[in-house]
């Protein structure tokens, strides 16, 4: 039983998974923030392109 507890205390795989999860969350927040900041200009660009396309 002591061996199991010792091995469990030294196991860091859960900490690594949590770190990767935090990094993924940080990237997602940065992506959402960047896309939100650019949304107005991007929408204007698409509207300009749509206005120049021939109507069918």
PDB file of N, CA and C in Angstrom:
ATOM      1  N   UNK A   1       0.828  -1.201   0.000  1.00  0.00           N
ATOM      2  CA  UNK A   1       0.000   0.000   0.000  1.00  0.00           C
ATOM      3  C   UNK A   1       0.866   1.257   0.000  1.00  0.00           C
ATOM      4  N   UNK A   2       1.956   1.209   0.733  1.00  0.00           N
ATOM      5  CA  UNK A   2       2.847   2.377   0.786  1.00  0.00           C
ATOM      6  C   UNK A   2       3.472   2.629  -0.578  1.00  0.00           C
ATOM      7  N   UNK A   3       3.779   1.542  -1.300  1.00  0.00           N
ATOM      8  CA  UNK A   3       4.353   1.683  -2.641  1.00  0.00           C
ATOM      9  C   UNK A   3       3.369   2.402  -3.568  1.00  0.00           C
ATOM     10  N   UNK A   4       2.109   2.026  -3.472  1.00  0.00           N
ATOM     11  CA  UNK A   4       1.071   2.635  -4.314  1.00  0.00           C
ATOM     12  C   UNK A   4       0.941   4.134  -4.028  1.00  0.00           C
ATOM     13  N   UNK A   5       0.923   4.492  -2.760  1.00  0.00           N
ATOM     14  CA  UNK A   5       0.798   5.908  -2.387  1.00  0.00           C
ATOM     15  C   UNK A   5       2.016   6.689  -2.843  1.00  0.00           C
ATOM     16  N   UNK A   6       3.194   6.090  -2.690  1.00  0.00           N
ATOM     17  CA  UNK A   6       4.431   6.745  -3.128  1.00  0.00           C
ATOM     18  C   UNK A   6       4.421   6.963  -4.635  1.00  0.00           C
ATOM     19  N   UNK A   7       4.006   5.934  -5.385  1.00  0.00           N
ATOM     20  CA  UNK A   7       3.934   6.051  -6.843  1.00  0.00           C
ATOM     21  C   UNK A   7       2.887   7.090  -7.260  1.00  0.00           C
ATOM     22  N   UNK A   8       1.770   7.100  -6.557  1.00  0.00           N
ATOM     23  CA  UNK A   8       0.705   8.058  -6.857  1.00  0.00           C
ATOM     24  C   UNK A   8       1.163   9.488  -6.605  1.00  0.00           C
ATOM     25  N   UNK A   9       1.928   9.721  -5.555  1.00  0.00           N
ATOM     26  CA  UNK A   9       2.412  11.062  -5.221  1.00  0.00           C
ATOM     27  C   UNK A   9       3.422  11.558  -6.248  1.00  0.00           C
ATOM     28  N   UNK A  10       4.178  10.639  -6.847  1.00  0.00           N
ATOM     29  CA  UNK A  10       5.202  11.032  -7.828  1.00  0.00           C
ATOM     30  C   UNK A  10       4.641  11.169  -9.242  1.00  0.00           C
ATOM     31  N   UNK A  11       3.459  10.652  -9.494  1.00  0.00           N
ATOM     32  CA  UNK A  11       2.862  10.683 -10.833  1.00  0.00           C
ATOM     33  C   UNK A  11       2.451  12.102 -11.180  1.00  0.00           C
ATOM     34  N   UNK A  12       2.980  12.628 -12.289  1.00  0.00           N
ATOM     35  CA  UNK A  12       2.675  13.998 -12.702  1.00  0.00           C
ATOM     36  C   UNK A  12       1.869  14.053 -13.994  1.00  0.00           C
ATOM     37  N   UNK A  13       1.358  12.944 -14.466  1.00  0.00           N
ATOM     38  CA  UNK A  13       0.630  12.932 -15.737  1.00  0.00           C
ATOM     39  C   UNK A  13      -0.662  13.749 -15.651  1.00  0.00           C
ATOM     40  N   UNK A  14      -1.308  13.759 -14.499  1.00  0.00           N
ATOM     41  CA  UNK A  14      -2.515  14.576 -14.346  1.00  0.00           C
ATOM     42  C   UNK A  14      -2.205  16.053 -14.417  1.00  0.00           C
ATOM     43  N   UNK A  15      -1.083  16.453 -13.824  1.00  0.00           N
ATOM     44  CA  UNK A  15      -0.675  17.857 -13.870  1.00  0.00           C
ATOM     45  C   UNK A  15      -0.373  18.280 -15.298  1.00  0.00           C
ATOM     46  N   UNK A  16       0.237  17.397 -16.061  1.00  0.00           N
ATOM     47  CA  UNK A  16       0.548  17.708 -17.461  1.00  0.00           C
ATOM     48  C   UNK A  16      -0.738  17.890 -18.259  1.00  0.00           C
ATOM     49  N   UNK A  17      -1.716  17.037 -18.032  1.00  0.00           N
ATOM     50  CA  UNK A  17      -2.996  17.154 -18.736  1.00  0.00           C
ATOM     51  C   UNK A  17      -3.681  18.470 -18.386  1.00  0.00           C
ATOM     52  N   UNK A  18      -3.608  18.862 -17.128  1.00  0.00           N
ATOM     53  CA  UNK A  18      -4.212  20.133 -16.722  1.00  0.00           C
ATOM     54  C   UNK A  18      -3.494  21.304 -17.384  1.00  0.00           C
ATOM     55  N   UNK A  19      -2.172  21.230 -17.460  1.00  0.00           N
ATOM     56  CA  UNK A  19      -1.400  22.299 -18.112  1.00  0.00           C
ATOM     57  C   UNK A  19      -1.784  22.418 -19.582  1.00  0.00           C
ATOM     58  N   UNK A  20      -1.897  21.279 -20.275  1.00  0.00           N
ATOM     59  CA  UNK A  20      -2.299  21.322 -21.682  1.00  0.00           C
ATOM     60  C   UNK A  20      -3.716  21.885 -21.832  1.00  0.00           C
ATOM     61  N   UNK A  21      -4.585  21.550 -20.916  1.00  0.00           N
ATOM     62  CA  UNK A  21      -5.942  22.094 -20.949  1.00  0.00           C
ATOM     63  C   UNK A  21      -5.945  23.597 -20.750  1.00  0.00           C
ATOM     64  N   UNK A  22      -5.119  24.090 -19.841  1.00  0.00           N
ATOM     65  CA  UNK A  22      -5.027  25.538 -19.621  1.00  0.00           C
ATOM     66  C   UNK A  22      -4.454  26.255 -20.832  1.00  0.00           C
ATOM     67  N   UNK A  23      -3.463  25.656 -21.473  1.00  0.00           N
ATOM     68  CA  UNK A  23      -2.888  26.256 -22.682  1.00  0.00           C
ATOM     69  C   UNK A  23      -3.935  26.304 -23.791  1.00  0.00           C
ATOM     70  N   UNK A  24      -4.694  25.225 -23.971  1.00  0.00           N
ATOM     71  CA  UNK A  24      -5.738  25.197 -24.995  1.00  0.00           C
ATOM     72  C   UNK A  24      -6.808  26.245 -24.709  1.00  0.00           C
ATOM     73  N   UNK A  25      -7.166  26.415 -23.446  1.00  0.00           N
ATOM     74  CA  UNK A  25      -8.157  27.432 -23.084  1.00  0.00           C
ATOM     75  C   UNK A  25      -7.626  28.831 -23.358  1.00  0.00           C
ATOM     76  N   UNK A  26      -6.358  29.068 -23.066  1.00  0.00           N
ATOM     77  CA  UNK A  26      -5.751  30.375 -23.325  1.00  0.00           C
ATOM     78  C   UNK A  26      -5.720  30.686 -24.821  1.00  0.00           C
ATOM     79  N   UNK A  27      -5.379  29.691 -25.627  1.00  0.00           N
ATOM     80  CA  UNK A  27      -5.372  29.881 -27.086  1.00  0.00           C
ATOM     81  C   UNK A  27      -6.784  30.167 -27.586  1.00  0.00           C
ATOM     82  N   UNK A  28      -7.781  29.466 -27.052  1.00  0.00           N
ATOM     83  CA  UNK A  28      -9.163  29.689 -27.474  1.00  0.00           C
ATOM     84  C   UNK A  28      -9.626  31.098 -27.117  1.00  0.00           C
ATOM     85  N   UNK A  29      -9.282  31.564 -25.919  1.00  0.00           N
ATOM     86  CA  UNK A  29      -9.664  32.920 -25.509  1.00  0.00           C
ATOM     87  C   UNK A  29      -8.983  33.948 -26.394  1.00  0.00           C
ATOM     88  N   UNK A  30      -7.706  33.749 -26.703  1.00  0.00           N
ATOM     89  CA  UNK A  30      -6.979  34.676 -27.571  1.00  0.00           C
ATOM     90  C   UNK A  30      -7.587  34.701 -28.975  1.00  0.00           C
ATOM     91  N   UNK A  31      -7.966  33.536 -29.480  1.00  0.00           N
ATOM     92  CA  UNK A  31      -8.573  33.450 -30.809  1.00  0.00           C
ATOM     93  C   UNK A  31      -9.917  34.160 -30.851  1.00  0.00           C
ATOM     94  N   UNK A  32     -10.750  33.944 -29.862  1.00  0.00           N
ATOM     95  CA  UNK A  32     -12.056  34.595 -29.810  1.00  0.00           C
ATOM     96  C   UNK A  32     -11.878  36.111 -29.696  1.00  0.00           C
ATOM     97  N   UNK A  33     -10.940  36.548 -28.878  1.00  0.00           N
ATOM     98  CA  UNK A  33     -10.687  37.982 -28.719  1.00  0.00           C
ATOM     99  C   UNK A  33     -10.217  38.603 -30.028  1.00  0.00           C
ATOM    100  N   UNK A  34      -9.292  37.950 -30.704  1.00  0.00           N
ATOM    101  CA  UNK A  34      -8.767  38.480 -31.967  1.00  0.00           C
ATOM    102  C   UNK A  34      -9.852  38.534 -33.033  1.00  0.00           C
ATOM    103  N   UNK A  35     -10.653  37.476 -33.133  1.00  0.00           N
ATOM    104  CA  UNK A  35     -11.708  37.459 -34.147  1.00  0.00           C
ATOM    105  C   UNK A  35     -12.797  38.476 -33.838  1.00  0.00           C
ATOM    106  N   UNK A  36     -13.083  38.686 -32.578  1.00  0.00           N
ATOM    107  CA  UNK A  36     -14.073  39.691 -32.202  1.00  0.00           C
ATOM    108  C   UNK A  36     -13.577  41.093 -32.557  1.00  0.00           C
ATOM    109  N   UNK A  37     -12.304  41.335 -32.312  1.00  0.00           N
ATOM    110  CA  UNK A  37     -11.737  42.645 -32.609  1.00  0.00           C
ATOM    111  C   UNK A  37     -11.717  42.919 -34.120  1.00  0.00           C
ATOM    112  N   UNK A  38     -11.535  41.876 -34.915  1.00  0.00           N
ATOM    113  CA  UNK A  38     -11.450  42.048 -36.364  1.00  0.00           C
ATOM    114  C   UNK A  38     -12.794  41.888 -37.063  1.00  0.00           C
ATOM    115  N   UNK A  39     -13.843  41.561 -36.341  1.00  0.00           N
ATOM    116  CA  UNK A  39     -15.107  41.206 -36.989  1.00  0.00           C
ATOM    117  C   UNK A  39     -15.703  42.353 -37.798  1.00  0.00           C
ATOM    118  N   UNK A  40     -15.617  43.574 -37.306  1.00  0.00           N
ATOM    119  CA  UNK A  40     -16.190  44.698 -38.036  1.00  0.00           C
ATOM    120  C   UNK A  40     -15.508  44.930 -39.371  1.00  0.00           C
ATOM    121  N   UNK A  41     -14.191  44.926 -39.360  1.00  0.00           N
ATOM    122  CA  UNK A  41     -13.442  45.137 -40.594  1.00  0.00           C
ATOM    123  C   UNK A  41     -13.645  43.971 -41.561  1.00  0.00           C
ATOM    124  N   UNK A  42     -13.676  42.768 -41.016  1.00  0.00           N
ATOM    125  CA  UNK A  42     -13.876  41.587 -41.853  1.00  0.00           C
ATOM    126  C   UNK A  42     -15.264  41.590 -42.481  1.00  0.00           C
ATOM    127  N   UNK A  43     -16.255  41.980 -41.724  1.00  0.00           N
ATOM    128  CA  UNK A  43     -17.617  42.051 -42.259  1.00  0.00           C
ATOM    129  C   UNK A  43     -17.706  43.103 -43.354  1.00  0.00           C
ATOM    130  N   UNK A  44     -17.036  44.238 -43.160  1.00  0.00           N
ATOM    131  CA  UNK A  44     -17.014  45.277 -44.189  1.00  0.00           C
ATOM    132  C   UNK A  44     -16.362  44.791 -45.471  1.00  0.00           C
ATOM    133  N   UNK A  45     -15.294  44.023 -45.336  1.00  0.00           N
ATOM    134  CA  UNK A  45     -14.614  43.485 -46.515  1.00  0.00           C
ATOM    135  C   UNK A  45     -15.523  42.533 -47.281  1.00  0.00           C
ATOM    136  N   UNK A  46     -16.197  41.644 -46.555  1.00  0.00           N
ATOM    137  CA  UNK A  46     -17.092  40.704 -47.232  1.00  0.00           C
ATOM    138  C   UNK A  46     -18.284  41.415 -47.870  1.00  0.00           C
ATOM    139  N   UNK A  47     -18.788  42.451 -47.228  1.00  0.00           N
ATOM    140  CA  UNK A  47     -19.889  43.215 -47.819  1.00  0.00           C
ATOM    141  C   UNK A  47     -19.442  43.928 -49.086  1.00  0.00           C
ATOM    142  N   UNK A  48     -18.209  44.466 -49.087  1.00  0.00           N
ATOM    143  CA  UNK A  48     -17.685  45.131 -50.281  1.00  0.00           C
ATOM    144  C   UNK A  48     -17.551  44.126 -51.429  1.00  0.00           C
ATOM    145  N   UNK A  49     -17.020  42.948 -51.135  1.00  0.00           N
ATOM    146  CA  UNK A  49     -16.864  41.921 -52.164  1.00  0.00           C
ATOM    147  C   UNK A  49     -18.224  41.476 -52.679  1.00  0.00           C
ATOM    148  N   UNK A  50     -19.183  41.286 -51.775  1.00  0.00           N
ATOM    149  CA  UNK A  50     -20.519  40.869 -52.187  1.00  0.00           C
ATOM    150  C   UNK A  50     -21.182  41.927 -53.055  1.00  0.00           C
ATOM    151  N   UNK A  51     -20.909  43.196 -52.790  1.00  0.00           N
ATOM    152  CA  UNK A  51     -21.480  44.269 -53.592  1.00  0.00           C
ATOM    153  C   UNK A  51     -20.916  44.327 -54.988  1.00  0.00           C
ATOM    154  N   UNK A  52     -19.696  43.864 -55.164  1.00  0.00           N
ATOM    155  CA  UNK A  52     -19.058  43.895 -56.488  1.00  0.00           C
ATOM    156  C   UNK A  52     -19.365  42.664 -57.337  1.00  0.00           C
ATOM    157  N   UNK A  53     -19.933  41.623 -56.723  1.00  0.00           N
ATOM    158  CA  UNK A  53     -20.278  40.425 -57.485  1.00  0.00           C
ATOM    159  C   UNK A  53     -21.545  40.674 -58.285  1.00  0.00           C
ATOM    160  N   UNK A  54     -21.620  40.095 -59.479  1.00  0.00           N
ATOM    161  CA  UNK A  54     -22.841  40.288 -60.289  1.00  0.00           C
ATOM    162  C   UNK A  54     -24.037  39.591 -59.650  1.00  0.00           C
ATOM    163  N   UNK A  55     -25.171  40.244 -59.726  1.00  0.00           N
ATOM    164  CA  UNK A  55     -26.418  39.685 -59.193  1.00  0.00           C
ATOM    165  C   UNK A  55     -26.989  38.694 -60.198  1.00  0.00           C
ATOM    166  N   UNK A  56     -27.498  37.579 -59.713  1.00  0.00           N
ATOM    167  CA  UNK A  56     -28.071  36.592 -60.657  1.00  0.00           C
ATOM    168  C   UNK A  56     -29.559  36.540 -60.550  1.00  0.00           C
TER     169      UNK A  56
END
